[in-house]
Amino acid sequence: MRKADIASLIHDRHGIPKREAVNVVELILEEIKESLAQGDEVKIAGFGNFTVRSKRERKGRNPKTGEEIGITPRRVVTFRASPVFKQSVLDATEVSR
């Protein structure tokens, strides 16, 4: 599913003009990005949590040559699904079998 698909669903289900639905989706995603960039956690009840983690420097290996290389420290975004979300996905997969 893409952003355009989400905007189309909002338009179809709620009668909001398509351009406005696209703007709403863009605004929501932009707010999430800004919060994460500031180091804040984003919690969406019934969906999950987005957090930013700092990973330290570590050693890795080049899979082709086996040569040891240094992996630089970086920040990564993680997502942890809520139990409600996980259960709804499980229920949906059981129905489709």
Protein backbone atom coordinates (compact mmCIF):
# COMPACT_ATOMS: atom_id res chain seq x y z
CA MET A 1 0.00 0.00 0.00
CA ARG A 2 1.28 3.45 -0.93
CA LYS A 3 0.49 6.95 0.33
CA ALA A 4 -1.75 7.49 -2.71
CA ASP A 5 -3.70 4.34 -1.82
CA ILE A 6 -4.26 5.57 1.73
CA ALA A 7 -5.45 8.95 0.44
CA SER A 8 -7.82 7.20 -2.00
CA LEU A 9 -9.31 5.11 0.82
CA ILE A 10 -9.87 8.24 2.92
CA HIS A 11 -11.51 9.92 -0.07
CA ASP A 12 -13.74 6.92 -0.84
CA ARG A 13 -14.80 6.10 2.72
CA HIS A 14 -15.24 9.58 4.13
CA GLY A 15 -16.06 11.75 1.13
CA ILE A 16 -13.17 14.11 1.74
CA PRO A 17 -11.91 15.72 -1.47
CA LYS A 18 -8.97 13.78 -2.90
CA ARG A 19 -6.52 16.70 -2.71
CA GLU A 20 -7.42 17.26 0.95
CA ALA A 21 -7.01 13.55 1.72
CA VAL A 22 -3.54 13.61 0.17
CA ASN A 23 -2.65 16.66 2.27
CA VAL A 24 -3.86 14.96 5.47
CA VAL A 25 -1.74 11.87 4.81
CA GLU A 26 1.30 14.05 4.00
CA LEU A 27 0.81 16.13 7.16
CA ILE A 28 0.55 13.07 9.40
CA LEU A 29 3.65 11.46 7.95
CA GLU A 30 5.60 14.72 8.13
CA GLU A 31 4.72 15.14 11.83
CA ILE A 32 5.88 11.58 12.52
CA LYS A 33 9.18 12.24 10.68
CA GLU A 34 9.78 15.50 12.54
CA SER A 35 9.09 13.93 15.93
CA LEU A 36 11.48 11.07 15.23
CA ALA A 37 14.15 13.46 13.93
CA GLN A 38 13.96 15.31 17.27
CA GLY A 39 14.48 12.01 19.09
CA ASP A 40 10.90 11.72 20.34
CA GLU A 41 8.99 8.44 20.44
CA VAL A 42 5.80 8.20 18.39
CA LYS A 43 3.08 6.06 19.98
CA ILE A 44 -0.10 5.31 18.05
CA ALA A 45 -2.61 3.48 20.24
CA GLY A 46 -3.74 0.19 18.75
CA PHE A 47 -1.04 0.36 16.06
CA GLY A 48 2.47 0.55 17.52
CA ASN A 49 5.50 2.59 18.55
CA PHE A 50 8.17 4.20 16.40
CA THR A 51 11.46 4.94 18.16
CA VAL A 52 14.94 6.07 17.19
CA ARG A 53 17.84 3.96 18.47
CA SER A 54 21.52 4.80 18.40
CA LYS A 55 23.76 1.99 17.25
CA ARG A 56 27.37 2.04 18.33
CA GLU A 57 30.38 1.45 16.12
CA ARG A 58 31.06 -2.20 15.49
CA LYS A 59 33.09 -4.55 13.36
CA GLY A 60 31.62 -6.38 10.40
CA ARG A 61 32.84 -8.54 7.54
CA ASN A 62 32.72 -8.12 3.80
CA PRO A 63 30.79 -11.26 2.71
CA LYS A 64 32.75 -11.57 -0.56
CA THR A 65 36.28 -11.21 0.75
CA GLY A 66 35.88 -11.97 4.45
CA GLU A 67 37.79 -8.76 5.16
CA GLU A 68 36.97 -7.13 8.50
CA ILE A 69 35.54 -3.62 8.19
CA GLY A 70 34.36 -0.99 10.65
CA ILE A 71 30.66 -0.09 10.66
CA THR A 72 30.12 3.52 11.68
CA PRO A 73 27.76 4.52 14.49
CA ARG A 74 24.32 5.56 13.29
CA ARG A 75 20.71 6.16 14.31
CA VAL A 76 17.97 3.82 13.11
CA VAL A 77 14.18 3.95 13.27
CA THR A 78 12.49 0.93 14.81
CA PHE A 79 8.83 -0.05 14.89
CA ARG A 80 7.17 -2.29 17.45
CA ALA A 81 3.62 -3.34 16.65
CA SER A 82 1.05 -3.21 19.43
CA PRO A 83 -0.57 -6.44 20.62
CA VAL A 84 -3.92 -5.26 19.18
CA PHE A 85 -2.34 -4.70 15.75
CA LYS A 86 -0.53 -8.05 15.84
CA GLN A 87 -3.73 -9.87 16.73
CA SER A 88 -5.72 -8.20 13.94
CA VAL A 89 -3.08 -9.29 11.41
CA LEU A 90 -3.15 -12.85 12.77
CA ASP A 91 -6.94 -12.94 12.65
CA ALA A 92 -6.92 -11.69 9.05
CA THR A 93 -4.42 -14.36 7.95
CA GLU A 94 -6.48 -17.12 9.60
CA VAL A 95 -9.61 -16.01 7.77
CA SER A 96 -7.85 -15.99 4.39
CA ARG A 97 -6.68 -19.62 4.72
